[in-house]
């Protein structure tokens, strides 16, 4: 009798191990997502919460449609709380669905925050007084150029991984916008370099 029960006991033990491994994986995922949400909240706090006039995200990505980034951050935080509840109740299918949605939402908001931060810096450049040190302006614009090029490379890599036309179209629009900024930045660099050359020749 003891021998006939052995396979059942071993199978039961394997299920316990598999369940524990799955639970550990879910907890690790939860911790990583919580960290990302916390970072997003801090980055968003550094930007002015001003309304924007055009849609920033795919209409199917967020249920909440706001003209402020803080509104989308609230939905992410709400989904994070829902995910925690599903983990506690061990609702695996809901956990998978919410985790995938959260990852996509977090990535989308991260891209928009980085774009907003660059836009803020771009506006700051435009307000610089003409009397500012030319070499400092040159270094700042060169740094801005490098960052724009890195963002374009990042969007192009993401575009190659996309499978839906909506996401491909969105990333193509972002790349075109960044390319426009890069062109303006390079035009400004040329003007600064000419001003430096003129100043050096007059000395």
Protein backbone atom coordinates (compact mmCIF):
# COMPACT_ATOMS: atom_id res chain seq x y z
CA UNK A 1 0.00 0.00 0.00
CA UNK A 2 2.86 2.34 0.91
CA UNK A 3 4.54 1.62 -2.44
CA UNK A 4 1.35 2.38 -4.44
CA UNK A 5 0.97 5.75 -2.71
CA UNK A 6 4.54 6.86 -3.53
CA UNK A 7 3.91 8.18 -7.11
CA UNK A 8 0.92 10.21 -5.91
CA UNK A 9 3.00 11.74 -3.11
CA UNK A 10 5.84 12.58 -5.50
CA UNK A 11 3.42 14.17 -7.96
CA UNK A 12 1.91 16.23 -5.16
CA UNK A 13 5.37 17.42 -4.10
CA UNK A 14 6.17 18.45 -7.67
CA UNK A 15 2.99 20.51 -7.83
CA UNK A 16 3.95 22.27 -4.59
CA UNK A 17 7.40 23.07 -5.99
CA UNK A 18 5.91 24.37 -9.27
CA UNK A 19 3.38 26.50 -7.40
CA UNK A 20 6.12 27.91 -5.17
CA UNK A 21 8.30 28.74 -8.19
CA UNK A 22 5.38 30.45 -9.91
CA UNK A 23 4.56 32.42 -6.77
CA UNK A 24 8.19 33.49 -6.43
CA UNK A 25 8.24 34.63 -10.06
CA UNK A 26 5.04 36.63 -9.57
CA UNK A 27 6.44 38.28 -6.43
CA UNK A 28 9.64 39.22 -8.30
CA UNK A 29 7.57 40.70 -11.13
CA UNK A 30 5.43 42.62 -8.66
CA UNK A 31 8.52 44.07 -6.98
CA UNK A 32 10.01 45.14 -10.33
CA UNK A 33 6.77 46.82 -11.43
CA UNK A 34 6.40 48.62 -8.10
CA UNK A 35 9.93 49.98 -8.51
CA UNK A 36 9.16 51.20 -12.04
CA UNK A 37 5.95 52.91 -10.87
CA UNK A 38 7.84 54.64 -8.05
CA UNK A 39 10.50 55.90 -10.49
CA UNK A 40 7.79 57.17 -12.85
CA UNK A 41 6.08 59.08 -10.04
CA UNK A 42 9.35 60.79 -9.10
CA UNK A 43 10.19 61.69 -12.72
CA UNK A 44 6.68 63.01 -13.31
CA UNK A 45 6.89 65.18 -10.18
CA UNK A 46 9.82 67.05 -11.78
CA UNK A 47 7.70 68.12 -14.77
CA UNK A 48 5.00 70.81 -14.78
CA UNK A 49 1.54 69.21 -14.83
CA UNK A 50 0.27 71.32 -17.70
CA UNK A 51 -2.47 70.23 -20.13
CA UNK A 52 -1.59 69.24 -23.69
CA UNK A 53 -3.77 69.70 -26.73
CA UNK A 54 -3.18 66.46 -28.67
CA UNK A 55 -3.48 62.78 -27.79
CA UNK A 56 -0.23 61.30 -26.50
CA UNK A 57 -1.15 57.60 -26.32
CA UNK A 58 -2.89 54.86 -28.26
CA UNK A 59 -6.60 55.10 -27.45
CA UNK A 60 -6.75 51.39 -26.52
CA UNK A 61 -3.81 51.54 -24.10
CA UNK A 62 -5.51 53.55 -21.33
CA UNK A 63 -9.16 53.51 -20.26
CA UNK A 64 -8.70 56.99 -18.80
CA UNK A 65 -8.21 59.79 -21.33
CA UNK A 66 -6.72 62.94 -19.86
CA UNK A 67 -4.97 66.05 -21.13
CA UNK A 68 -2.42 65.72 -18.32
CA UNK A 69 0.21 63.06 -17.70
CA UNK A 70 -0.82 62.85 -14.04
CA UNK A 71 -4.16 61.38 -15.14
CA UNK A 72 -2.41 58.48 -16.86
CA UNK A 73 -0.13 58.02 -13.85
CA UNK A 74 -3.25 57.61 -11.70
CA UNK A 75 -4.52 54.80 -13.93
CA UNK A 76 -1.14 53.04 -13.71
CA UNK A 77 -1.21 53.33 -9.91
CA UNK A 78 -4.79 51.99 -9.85
CA UNK A 79 -3.81 49.03 -12.04
CA UNK A 80 -0.86 48.38 -9.74
CA UNK A 81 -3.23 48.08 -6.76
CA UNK A 82 -5.51 45.78 -8.77
CA UNK A 83 -2.52 43.60 -9.65
CA UNK A 84 -1.55 43.30 -5.97
CA UNK A 85 -5.10 42.21 -5.11
CA UNK A 86 -5.07 39.58 -7.87
CA UNK A 87 -1.70 38.28 -6.65
CA UNK A 88 -3.04 38.00 -3.10
CA UNK A 89 -6.10 36.11 -4.39
CA UNK A 90 -3.86 33.97 -6.66
CA UNK A 91 -5.90 34.83 -9.78
CA UNK A 92 -3.22 33.86 -12.29
CA UNK A 93 -5.00 34.83 -15.53
CA UNK A 94 -5.86 38.30 -14.20
CA UNK A 95 -2.28 38.66 -12.94
CA UNK A 96 -0.91 37.90 -16.43
CA UNK A 97 -3.33 40.30 -18.13
CA UNK A 98 -2.75 43.18 -15.70
CA UNK A 99 1.02 42.67 -15.64
CA UNK A 100 1.23 42.83 -19.45
CA UNK A 101 -0.96 45.94 -19.55
CA UNK A 102 1.08 47.61 -16.82
CA UNK A 103 4.38 46.92 -18.59
CA UNK A 104 3.01 48.47 -21.80
CA UNK A 105 1.52 51.47 -19.98
CA UNK A 106 4.71 52.09 -18.00
CA UNK A 107 6.85 51.98 -21.17
CA UNK A 108 4.50 54.39 -22.95
CA UNK A 109 4.51 56.87 -20.06
CA UNK A 110 8.31 56.59 -19.72
CA UNK A 111 8.69 57.55 -23.38
CA UNK A 112 6.36 60.52 -22.98
CA UNK A 113 8.11 61.73 -19.81
CA UNK A 114 11.49 61.59 -21.56
CA UNK A 115 10.00 63.54 -24.48
CA UNK A 116 8.51 66.12 -22.10
CA UNK A 117 11.85 66.49 -20.33
CA UNK A 118 13.57 67.11 -23.66
CA UNK A 119 10.85 69.57 -24.67
CA UNK A 120 11.39 71.43 -21.41
CA UNK A 121 15.12 71.58 -22.10
CA UNK A 122 14.47 72.68 -25.67
CA UNK A 123 12.27 75.53 -24.45
CA UNK A 124 15.00 76.51 -22.01
CA UNK A 125 17.51 76.66 -24.85
CA UNK A 126 15.22 78.92 -26.86
CA UNK A 127 14.92 81.35 -23.94
CA UNK A 128 18.68 81.65 -23.54
CA UNK A 129 19.85 85.22 -23.86
CA UNK A 130 22.05 86.06 -26.82
CA UNK A 131 24.80 87.18 -24.48
CA UNK A 132 25.30 83.70 -22.99
CA UNK A 133 28.73 82.19 -23.34
CA UNK A 134 28.92 80.66 -26.82
CA UNK A 135 31.08 77.73 -25.78
CA UNK A 136 28.64 76.76 -23.02
CA UNK A 137 25.76 76.91 -25.49
CA UNK A 138 27.77 74.79 -27.92
CA UNK A 139 28.39 72.10 -25.28
CA UNK A 140 24.71 72.08 -24.22
CA UNK A 141 23.47 71.74 -27.80
CA UNK A 142 25.98 68.97 -28.50
CA UNK A 143 24.68 67.11 -25.44
CA UNK A 144 21.11 67.71 -26.58
CA UNK A 145 22.02 66.37 -30.05
CA UNK A 146 23.47 63.17 -28.53
CA UNK A 147 20.37 62.61 -26.41
CA UNK A 148 18.04 63.09 -29.37
CA UNK A 149 20.06 60.63 -31.46
CA UNK A 150 19.93 58.07 -28.63
CA UNK A 151 16.13 58.49 -28.34
CA UNK A 152 15.70 58.02 -32.10
CA UNK A 153 17.82 54.84 -31.96
CA UNK A 154 15.69 53.58 -29.05
CA UNK A 155 12.40 54.25 -30.89
CA UNK A 156 13.71 52.53 -34.03
CA UNK A 157 14.63 49.43 -32.01
CA UNK A 158 11.15 49.41 -30.44
CA UNK A 159 9.57 49.86 -33.88
CA UNK A 160 11.31 46.73 -35.16
CA UNK A 161 9.79 44.73 -32.27
CA UNK A 162 6.21 45.97 -32.68
CA UNK A 163 3.58 43.66 -34.14
CA UNK A 164 0.53 45.96 -34.27
CA UNK A 165 0.01 48.67 -36.87
CA UNK A 166 -1.24 51.12 -34.22
CA UNK A 167 1.95 50.89 -32.18
CA UNK A 168 4.10 51.00 -35.33
CA UNK A 169 2.32 54.14 -36.50
CA UNK A 170 2.69 55.77 -33.09
CA UNK A 171 6.44 55.06 -32.93
CA UNK A 172 6.89 56.30 -36.51
CA UNK A 173 5.26 59.60 -35.50
CA UNK A 174 7.54 59.84 -32.46
CA UNK A 175 10.61 59.20 -34.63
CA UNK A 176 9.50 61.89 -37.10
CA UNK A 177 8.98 64.39 -34.26
CA UNK A 178 12.38 63.62 -32.75
CA UNK A 179 14.01 63.87 -36.20
CA UNK A 180 12.51 67.35 -36.58
CA UNK A 181 13.96 68.38 -33.22
CA UNK A 182 17.32 66.93 -34.20
CA UNK A 183 17.31 68.96 -37.43
CA UNK A 184 16.53 72.18 -35.50
CA UNK A 185 19.22 71.36 -32.94
CA UNK A 186 21.80 70.89 -35.69
CA UNK A 187 20.78 74.17 -37.32
CA UNK A 188 21.31 75.89 -33.96
CA UNK A 189 24.70 74.18 -33.64
CA UNK A 190 25.74 75.54 -37.03
CA UNK A 191 24.71 79.07 -36.02
CA UNK A 192 26.64 78.82 -32.75
CA UNK A 193 29.73 77.48 -34.53
CA UNK A 194 29.58 80.35 -37.04
CA UNK A 195 29.24 82.85 -34.19
CA UNK A 196 32.26 81.32 -32.44
CA UNK A 197 34.26 81.44 -35.68
CA UNK A 198 33.28 85.07 -36.23
CA UNK A 199 34.20 85.96 -32.64
CA UNK A 200 37.58 84.22 -32.91
CA UNK A 201 38.38 85.94 -36.21
CA UNK A 202 37.57 89.36 -34.76
CA UNK A 203 39.85 88.85 -31.72
